[in-house]
Amino acid sequence: MKSLFRSYKVTLAMNVPFAATLVAVNENLKVILKPTESSYTFSIYFACAWLAGSVAAVLTNPLDVTKTRLQTQNMEMSCLRENNLCKPECLEEKQAKIHYKDFMSTVNQIYKNEGYAGFTKGTMARMIMIAPSAAISWGTYEFFKSILSPTK
């Protein structure tokens, strides 16, 4: 059970700044890109949310790398294996070796082994996943909010 919650705190620490960045950038972009006419178009909502998702993905990527390392680390067994099964004589010795224990030790190991570049791994893939998702969800929300809101 402990391994399931190893990255829980890091996940929360990543999602709060991610959401805050996404909302702040989205709202500021809507002000900057405000059309001359009185209402926004769906494409403005979509573009603002797309850019906001991209910015939030890039800025929180180091936390995502750390979280992912904690979640997906290889658990090497000290027991000798044959055909993917532990030999009977070493079942008592079966101990999982944890490579990353907590947030700070993971950050230190990534920096020590890979430098700053280690924290940028997967940035483009994360942007490709998050930007369309943010655009679809926030763009659709804003569009329907504008339709359902009473006009001023």
N, C-alpha and C. Protein backbone atom coordinates (compact mmCIF):
# COMPACT_ATOMS: atom_id res chain seq x y z
N MET A 1 0.82 -1.20 0.00
CA MET A 1 0.00 0.00 0.00
C MET A 1 0.86 1.26 0.00
N LYS A 2 1.99 1.19 0.68
CA LYS A 2 2.85 2.38 0.80
C LYS A 2 3.32 2.87 -0.57
N SER A 3 3.61 1.94 -1.47
CA SER A 3 4.09 2.34 -2.79
C SER A 3 3.02 3.08 -3.59
N LEU A 4 1.75 2.84 -3.30
CA LEU A 4 0.68 3.53 -4.01
C LEU A 4 0.63 5.01 -3.66
N PHE A 5 1.05 5.36 -2.46
CA PHE A 5 0.97 6.74 -2.00
C PHE A 5 2.31 7.45 -1.95
N ARG A 6 3.36 6.84 -2.48
CA ARG A 6 4.69 7.43 -2.45
C ARG A 6 4.73 8.80 -3.14
N SER A 7 3.98 8.98 -4.19
CA SER A 7 4.02 10.23 -4.95
C SER A 7 2.79 11.11 -4.70
N TYR A 8 1.99 10.78 -3.72
CA TYR A 8 0.75 11.52 -3.47
C TYR A 8 0.99 13.00 -3.19
N LYS A 9 1.92 13.31 -2.31
CA LYS A 9 2.21 14.71 -1.97
C LYS A 9 2.76 15.48 -3.16
N VAL A 10 3.60 14.83 -3.95
CA VAL A 10 4.16 15.48 -5.13
C VAL A 10 3.06 15.73 -6.16
N THR A 11 2.13 14.79 -6.28
CA THR A 11 1.02 14.97 -7.21
C THR A 11 0.20 16.18 -6.82
N LEU A 12 -0.10 16.32 -5.54
CA LEU A 12 -0.84 17.50 -5.08
C LEU A 12 -0.02 18.77 -5.29
N ALA A 13 1.27 18.69 -4.98
CA ALA A 13 2.14 19.87 -5.14
C ALA A 13 2.27 20.27 -6.61
N MET A 14 2.09 19.36 -7.52
CA MET A 14 2.16 19.66 -8.95
C MET A 14 0.83 20.20 -9.45
N ASN A 15 -0.28 19.62 -9.03
CA ASN A 15 -1.58 19.99 -9.56
C ASN A 15 -2.03 21.38 -9.14
N VAL A 16 -1.66 21.83 -7.95
CA VAL A 16 -2.07 23.16 -7.49
C VAL A 16 -1.43 24.25 -8.35
N PRO A 17 -0.09 24.27 -8.53
CA PRO A 17 0.48 25.30 -9.40
C PRO A 17 0.07 25.13 -10.87
N PHE A 18 -0.16 23.90 -11.30
CA PHE A 18 -0.62 23.68 -12.67
C PHE A 18 -1.97 24.35 -12.89
N ALA A 19 -2.92 24.09 -12.01
CA ALA A 19 -4.26 24.67 -12.16
C ALA A 19 -4.21 26.19 -12.02
N ALA A 20 -3.43 26.68 -11.07
CA ALA A 20 -3.33 28.13 -10.88
C ALA A 20 -2.74 28.80 -12.12
N THR A 21 -1.71 28.20 -12.69
CA THR A 21 -1.08 28.75 -13.90
C THR A 21 -2.05 28.70 -15.07
N LEU A 22 -2.72 27.59 -15.23
CA LEU A 22 -3.67 27.43 -16.33
C LEU A 22 -4.76 28.50 -16.27
N VAL A 23 -5.35 28.70 -15.10
CA VAL A 23 -6.43 29.68 -14.96
C VAL A 23 -5.90 31.10 -15.14
N ALA A 24 -4.78 31.41 -14.51
CA ALA A 24 -4.23 32.77 -14.60
C ALA A 24 -3.85 33.14 -16.03
N VAL A 25 -3.16 32.24 -16.71
CA VAL A 25 -2.75 32.52 -18.09
C VAL A 25 -3.97 32.61 -19.00
N ASN A 26 -4.93 31.71 -18.82
CA ASN A 26 -6.14 31.72 -19.63
C ASN A 26 -6.89 33.05 -19.48
N GLU A 27 -7.08 33.50 -18.25
CA GLU A 27 -7.82 34.74 -18.01
C GLU A 27 -7.06 35.95 -18.56
N ASN A 28 -5.75 35.98 -18.38
CA ASN A 28 -4.96 37.10 -18.90
C ASN A 28 -4.94 37.13 -20.43
N LEU A 29 -4.87 35.97 -21.04
CA LEU A 29 -4.90 35.92 -22.51
C LEU A 29 -6.24 36.39 -23.06
N LYS A 30 -7.31 36.06 -22.36
CA LYS A 30 -8.63 36.54 -22.81
C LYS A 30 -8.69 38.06 -22.77
N VAL A 31 -8.08 38.67 -21.77
CA VAL A 31 -8.05 40.14 -21.69
C VAL A 31 -7.19 40.72 -22.81
N ILE A 32 -6.02 40.12 -23.04
CA ILE A 32 -5.11 40.60 -24.08
C ILE A 32 -5.72 40.45 -25.47
N LEU A 33 -6.37 39.31 -25.72
CA LEU A 33 -6.92 39.02 -27.04
C LEU A 33 -8.38 39.45 -27.19
N LYS A 34 -8.85 40.30 -26.30
CA LYS A 34 -10.25 40.71 -26.34
C LYS A 34 -10.59 41.28 -27.72
N PRO A 35 -11.63 40.72 -28.33
CA PRO A 35 -12.01 41.21 -29.66
C PRO A 35 -12.66 42.60 -29.58
N THR A 36 -12.67 43.27 -30.68
CA THR A 36 -13.25 44.62 -30.71
C THR A 36 -14.76 44.57 -30.53
N GLU A 37 -15.39 43.51 -31.01
CA GLU A 37 -16.83 43.39 -30.80
C GLU A 37 -17.10 42.98 -29.35
N SER A 38 -18.34 42.94 -28.97
CA SER A 38 -18.68 42.75 -27.55
C SER A 38 -18.52 41.32 -27.05
N SER A 39 -18.54 40.32 -27.93
CA SER A 39 -18.45 38.94 -27.44
C SER A 39 -17.25 38.21 -28.06
N TYR A 40 -16.79 37.24 -27.32
CA TYR A 40 -15.69 36.40 -27.77
C TYR A 40 -16.22 35.34 -28.73
N THR A 41 -15.36 34.84 -29.57
CA THR A 41 -15.72 33.71 -30.42
C THR A 41 -15.16 32.44 -29.81
N PHE A 42 -15.66 31.32 -30.25
CA PHE A 42 -15.16 30.04 -29.75
C PHE A 42 -13.67 29.90 -30.03
N SER A 43 -13.22 30.40 -31.17
CA SER A 43 -11.80 30.27 -31.51
C SER A 43 -10.91 31.04 -30.53
N ILE A 44 -11.37 32.16 -30.01
CA ILE A 44 -10.60 32.92 -29.00
C ILE A 44 -10.51 32.10 -27.71
N TYR A 45 -11.64 31.56 -27.27
CA TYR A 45 -11.63 30.72 -26.07
C TYR A 45 -10.70 29.52 -26.25
N PHE A 46 -10.80 28.89 -27.40
CA PHE A 46 -10.00 27.71 -27.70
C PHE A 46 -8.51 28.05 -27.71
N ALA A 47 -8.14 29.16 -28.38
CA ALA A 47 -6.73 29.56 -28.48
C ALA A 47 -6.16 29.94 -27.12
N CYS A 48 -6.92 30.67 -26.32
CA CYS A 48 -6.45 31.07 -24.99
C CYS A 48 -6.21 29.85 -24.11
N ALA A 49 -7.14 28.93 -24.13
CA ALA A 49 -7.00 27.72 -23.31
C ALA A 49 -5.86 26.84 -23.82
N TRP A 50 -5.67 26.78 -25.13
CA TRP A 50 -4.57 26.00 -25.72
C TRP A 50 -3.23 26.55 -25.23
N LEU A 51 -3.06 27.87 -25.34
CA LEU A 51 -1.81 28.50 -24.90
C LEU A 51 -1.62 28.37 -23.39
N ALA A 52 -2.69 28.55 -22.64
CA ALA A 52 -2.61 28.43 -21.18
C ALA A 52 -2.21 27.01 -20.77
N GLY A 53 -2.77 26.02 -21.43
CA GLY A 53 -2.39 24.63 -21.15
C GLY A 53 -0.93 24.37 -21.47
N SER A 54 -0.46 24.94 -22.56
CA SER A 54 0.94 24.77 -22.95
C SER A 54 1.88 25.39 -21.92
N VAL A 55 1.57 26.61 -21.50
CA VAL A 55 2.41 27.30 -20.51
C VAL A 55 2.41 26.54 -19.18
N ALA A 56 1.24 26.13 -18.73
CA ALA A 56 1.14 25.39 -17.46
C ALA A 56 1.89 24.06 -17.54
N ALA A 57 1.82 23.39 -18.69
CA ALA A 57 2.53 22.12 -18.86
C ALA A 57 4.03 22.31 -18.77
N VAL A 58 4.54 23.35 -19.42
CA VAL A 58 5.99 23.59 -19.42
C VAL A 58 6.47 23.98 -18.02
N LEU A 59 5.74 24.88 -17.37
CA LEU A 59 6.19 25.37 -16.06
C LEU A 59 6.15 24.31 -14.96
N THR A 60 5.22 23.38 -15.06
CA THR A 60 5.13 22.35 -14.01
C THR A 60 5.76 21.03 -14.41
N ASN A 61 6.42 20.99 -15.57
CA ASN A 61 7.04 19.75 -16.03
C ASN A 61 8.09 19.19 -15.04
N PRO A 62 8.93 20.02 -14.42
CA PRO A 62 9.89 19.44 -13.46
C PRO A 62 9.21 18.68 -12.33
N LEU A 63 8.08 19.19 -11.85
CA LEU A 63 7.34 18.48 -10.82
C LEU A 63 6.74 17.19 -11.37
N ASP A 64 6.30 17.21 -12.62
CA ASP A 64 5.75 16.02 -13.24
C ASP A 64 6.82 14.94 -13.43
N VAL A 65 8.02 15.36 -13.81
CA VAL A 65 9.13 14.40 -13.96
C VAL A 65 9.41 13.74 -12.61
N THR A 66 9.46 14.54 -11.56
CA THR A 66 9.73 14.01 -10.22
C THR A 66 8.63 13.05 -9.80
N LYS A 67 7.37 13.43 -10.00
CA LYS A 67 6.23 12.58 -9.66
C LYS A 67 6.27 11.27 -10.43
N THR A 68 6.55 11.37 -11.71
CA THR A 68 6.57 10.17 -12.55
C THR A 68 7.68 9.22 -12.13
N ARG A 69 8.84 9.76 -11.76
CA ARG A 69 9.94 8.89 -11.29
C ARG A 69 9.54 8.16 -10.03
N LEU A 70 8.87 8.85 -9.12
CA LEU A 70 8.42 8.21 -7.89
C LEU A 70 7.39 7.12 -8.17
N GLN A 71 6.50 7.37 -9.12
CA GLN A 71 5.43 6.43 -9.40
C GLN A 71 5.88 5.21 -10.19
N THR A 72 6.82 5.39 -11.10
CA THR A 72 7.13 4.31 -12.04
C THR A 72 8.49 3.68 -11.82
N GLN A 73 9.10 3.93 -10.69
CA GLN A 73 10.43 3.37 -10.47
C GLN A 73 10.41 1.85 -10.50
N ASN A 74 11.51 1.30 -10.99
CA ASN A 74 11.66 -0.15 -11.03
C ASN A 74 11.93 -0.65 -9.63
N MET A 75 11.20 -1.63 -9.24
CA MET A 75 11.41 -2.23 -7.93
C MET A 75 12.20 -3.52 -8.14
N GLU A 76 13.51 -3.43 -7.98
CA GLU A 76 14.37 -4.59 -8.18
C GLU A 76 14.29 -5.50 -6.97
N MET A 77 14.10 -6.74 -7.22
CA MET A 77 14.03 -7.71 -6.13
C MET A 77 15.41 -8.29 -5.90
N SER A 78 15.78 -8.39 -4.62
CA SER A 78 17.09 -8.94 -4.31
C SER A 78 17.11 -10.45 -4.46
N CYS A 79 15.97 -11.04 -4.57
CA CYS A 79 15.86 -12.49 -4.73
C CYS A 79 16.28 -12.89 -6.14
N LEU A 80 17.02 -13.98 -6.27
CA LEU A 80 17.39 -14.49 -7.58
C LEU A 80 16.15 -15.02 -8.28
N ARG A 81 16.10 -14.80 -9.58
CA ARG A 81 14.90 -15.21 -10.31
C ARG A 81 15.24 -16.26 -11.35
N GLU A 82 14.31 -17.17 -11.52
CA GLU A 82 14.36 -18.16 -12.58
C GLU A 82 12.99 -18.21 -13.22
N ASN A 83 12.93 -17.99 -14.52
CA ASN A 83 11.65 -17.99 -15.25
C ASN A 83 10.63 -17.05 -14.60
N ASN A 84 11.12 -15.91 -14.16
CA ASN A 84 10.28 -14.88 -13.55
C ASN A 84 9.69 -15.27 -12.21
N LEU A 85 10.21 -16.32 -11.60
CA LEU A 85 9.76 -16.75 -10.28
C LEU A 85 10.94 -16.76 -9.32
N CYS A 86 10.70 -16.44 -8.06
CA CYS A 86 11.78 -16.49 -7.08
C CYS A 86 12.09 -17.94 -6.73
N LYS A 87 13.39 -18.20 -6.57
CA LYS A 87 13.79 -19.53 -6.13
C LYS A 87 13.30 -19.75 -4.70
N PRO A 88 12.86 -20.93 -4.36
CA PRO A 88 12.32 -21.19 -3.02
C PRO A 88 13.30 -20.83 -1.90
N GLU A 89 14.61 -21.05 -2.12
CA GLU A 89 15.57 -20.80 -1.04
C GLU A 89 15.77 -19.32 -0.73
N CYS A 90 15.28 -18.44 -1.56
CA CYS A 90 15.51 -17.03 -1.26
C CYS A 90 14.21 -16.25 -1.07
N LEU A 91 13.09 -16.93 -0.87
CA LEU A 91 11.83 -16.23 -0.67
C LEU A 91 11.85 -15.35 0.58
N GLU A 92 12.57 -15.79 1.61
CA GLU A 92 12.64 -15.01 2.84
C GLU A 92 13.41 -13.70 2.63
N GLU A 93 14.32 -13.67 1.65
CA GLU A 93 15.16 -12.50 1.41
C GLU A 93 14.49 -11.47 0.49
N LYS A 94 13.31 -11.80 0.00
CA LYS A 94 12.67 -10.94 -1.00
C LYS A 94 12.42 -9.55 -0.42
N GLN A 95 13.16 -8.57 -0.90
CA GLN A 95 13.04 -7.18 -0.44
C GLN A 95 13.05 -6.26 -1.66
N ALA A 96 12.17 -5.33 -1.70
CA ALA A 96 12.14 -4.37 -2.80
C ALA A 96 13.17 -3.27 -2.52
N LYS A 97 13.95 -2.92 -3.54
CA LYS A 97 14.92 -1.84 -3.42
C LYS A 97 14.29 -0.59 -4.01
N ILE A 98 14.10 0.42 -3.19
CA ILE A 98 13.47 1.65 -3.62
C ILE A 98 14.56 2.62 -4.07
N HIS A 99 14.46 3.10 -5.31
CA HIS A 99 15.44 4.04 -5.85
C HIS A 99 15.14 5.47 -5.42
N TYR A 100 13.87 5.84 -5.39
CA TYR A 100 13.46 7.19 -5.03
C TYR A 100 12.53 7.10 -3.83
N LYS A 101 12.92 7.74 -2.72
CA LYS A 101 12.12 7.64 -1.50
C LYS A 101 11.10 8.75 -1.36
N ASP A 102 11.52 9.97 -1.61
CA ASP A 102 10.64 11.11 -1.43
C ASP A 102 10.98 12.20 -2.42
N PHE A 103 10.28 13.31 -2.32
CA PHE A 103 10.44 14.40 -3.29
C PHE A 103 11.88 14.90 -3.38
N MET A 104 12.44 15.30 -2.27
CA MET A 104 13.78 15.90 -2.29
C MET A 104 14.87 14.92 -2.74
N SER A 105 14.79 13.69 -2.29
CA SER A 105 15.82 12.72 -2.71
C SER A 105 15.69 12.45 -4.22
N THR A 106 14.48 12.46 -4.73
CA THR A 106 14.27 12.26 -6.17
C THR A 106 14.82 13.44 -6.96
N VAL A 107 14.52 14.65 -6.51
CA VAL A 107 15.05 15.86 -7.16
C VAL A 107 16.57 15.83 -7.16
N ASN A 108 17.16 15.50 -6.02
CA ASN A 108 18.63 15.45 -5.92
C ASN A 108 19.23 14.41 -6.84
N GLN A 109 18.59 13.24 -6.93
CA GLN A 109 19.11 12.19 -7.81
C GLN A 109 19.00 12.57 -9.29
N ILE A 110 17.88 13.16 -9.66
CA ILE A 110 17.71 13.58 -11.06
C ILE A 110 18.77 14.62 -11.41
N TYR A 111 18.95 15.60 -10.54
CA TYR A 111 19.94 16.66 -10.81
C TYR A 111 21.36 16.09 -10.85
N LYS A 112 21.67 15.22 -9.91
CA LYS A 112 23.01 14.62 -9.84
C LYS A 112 23.32 13.78 -11.08
N ASN A 113 22.36 12.99 -11.53
CA ASN A 113 22.59 12.08 -12.64
C ASN A 113 22.38 12.70 -14.03
N GLU A 114 21.48 13.70 -14.13
CA GLU A 114 21.11 14.21 -15.44
C GLU A 114 21.21 15.73 -15.57
N GLY A 115 21.45 16.42 -14.47
CA GLY A 115 21.50 17.88 -14.51
C GLY A 115 20.12 18.48 -14.71
N TYR A 116 20.09 19.76 -15.04
CA TYR A 116 18.81 20.44 -15.26
C TYR A 116 18.02 19.82 -16.41
N ALA A 117 18.71 19.28 -17.39
CA ALA A 117 18.04 18.68 -18.55
C ALA A 117 17.13 17.52 -18.14
N GLY A 118 17.45 16.86 -17.04
CA GLY A 118 16.62 15.75 -16.57
C GLY A 118 15.20 16.18 -16.23
N PHE A 119 15.05 17.43 -15.82
CA PHE A 119 13.73 17.94 -15.45
C PHE A 119 12.90 18.39 -16.65
N THR A 120 13.51 18.41 -17.82
CA THR A 120 12.78 18.83 -19.02
C THR A 120 12.34 17.65 -19.88
N LYS A 121 12.68 16.45 -19.46
CA LYS A 121 12.30 15.28 -20.24
C LYS A 121 10.79 15.17 -20.34
N GLY A 122 10.32 14.92 -21.54
CA GLY A 122 8.90 14.74 -21.77
C GLY A 122 8.10 16.03 -21.87
N THR A 123 8.78 17.18 -21.94
CA THR A 123 8.06 18.45 -21.99
C THR A 123 7.17 18.54 -23.22
N MET A 124 7.70 18.20 -24.37
CA MET A 124 6.92 18.30 -25.61
C MET A 124 5.74 17.32 -25.57
N ALA A 125 5.98 16.11 -25.11
CA ALA A 125 4.89 15.12 -25.04
C ALA A 125 3.80 15.60 -24.08
N ARG A 126 4.20 16.20 -22.98
CA ARG A 126 3.24 16.72 -22.01
C ARG A 126 2.43 17.86 -22.62
N MET A 127 3.10 18.74 -23.35
CA MET A 127 2.39 19.84 -24.02
C MET A 127 1.40 19.31 -25.05
N ILE A 128 1.83 18.31 -25.81
CA ILE A 128 0.96 17.73 -26.84
C ILE A 128 -0.27 17.08 -26.22
N MET A 129 -0.15 16.57 -25.02
CA MET A 129 -1.28 15.94 -24.35
C MET A 129 -2.16 16.98 -23.67
N ILE A 130 -1.56 17.96 -23.00
CA ILE A 130 -2.32 18.88 -22.16
C ILE A 130 -2.96 20.02 -22.95
N ALA A 131 -2.27 20.59 -23.93
CA ALA A 131 -2.81 21.75 -24.65
C ALA A 131 -4.17 21.46 -25.30
N PRO A 132 -4.31 20.38 -26.06
CA PRO A 132 -5.63 20.11 -26.64
C PRO A 132 -6.69 19.83 -25.58
N SER A 133 -6.29 19.14 -24.52
CA SER A 133 -7.22 18.85 -23.44
C SER A 133 -7.73 20.13 -22.80
N ALA A 134 -6.82 21.05 -22.51
CA ALA A 134 -7.22 22.34 -21.92
C ALA A 134 -8.08 23.13 -22.89
N ALA A 135 -7.70 23.11 -24.16
CA ALA A 135 -8.47 23.85 -25.16
C ALA A 135 -9.90 23.32 -25.27
N ILE A 136 -10.04 22.03 -25.32
CA ILE A 136 -11.37 21.44 -25.46
C ILE A 136 -12.21 21.70 -24.21
N SER A 137 -11.65 21.41 -23.03
CA SER A 137 -12.44 21.56 -21.80
C SER A 137 -12.73 23.02 -21.47
N TRP A 138 -11.70 23.86 -21.44
CA TRP A 138 -11.90 25.27 -21.08
C TRP A 138 -12.61 26.03 -22.20
N GLY A 139 -12.26 25.73 -23.43
CA GLY A 139 -12.92 26.40 -24.55
C GLY A 139 -14.41 26.10 -24.59
N THR A 140 -14.76 24.85 -24.39
CA THR A 140 -16.17 24.46 -24.38
C THR A 140 -16.89 25.08 -23.19
N TYR A 141 -16.28 25.04 -22.03
CA TYR A 141 -16.86 25.66 -20.83
C TYR A 141 -17.14 27.14 -21.06
N GLU A 142 -16.15 27.87 -21.54
CA GLU A 142 -16.30 29.32 -21.77
C GLU A 142 -17.36 29.60 -22.83
N PHE A 143 -17.38 28.81 -23.87
CA PHE A 143 -18.35 29.01 -24.94
C PHE A 143 -19.77 28.86 -24.41
N PHE A 144 -20.03 27.76 -23.68
CA PHE A 144 -21.37 27.55 -23.16
C PHE A 144 -21.72 28.54 -22.05
N LYS A 145 -20.74 28.94 -21.29
CA LYS A 145 -20.97 29.96 -20.26
C LYS A 145 -21.43 31.26 -20.93
N SER A 146 -20.80 31.60 -22.04
CA SER A 146 -21.18 32.83 -22.74
C SER A 146 -22.57 32.74 -23.35
N ILE A 147 -22.94 31.55 -23.80
CA ILE A 147 -24.28 31.36 -24.38
C ILE A 147 -25.35 31.38 -23.29
N LEU A 148 -25.07 30.74 -22.17
CA LEU A 148 -26.07 30.59 -21.11
C LEU A 148 -26.13 31.80 -20.17
N SER A 149 -25.13 32.64 -20.18
CA SER A 149 -25.12 33.82 -19.32
C SER A 149 -26.07 34.88 -19.87
N PRO A 150 -26.77 35.53 -18.97
CA PRO A 150 -27.62 36.62 -19.46
C PRO A 150 -26.72 37.77 -19.97
N THR A 151 -27.11 38.38 -21.07
CA THR A 151 -26.31 39.47 -21.61
C THR A 151 -26.48 40.70 -20.73
N LYS A 152 -25.41 41.49 -20.70
CA LYS A 152 -25.41 42.69 -19.84
C LYS A 152 -25.93 43.87 -20.57
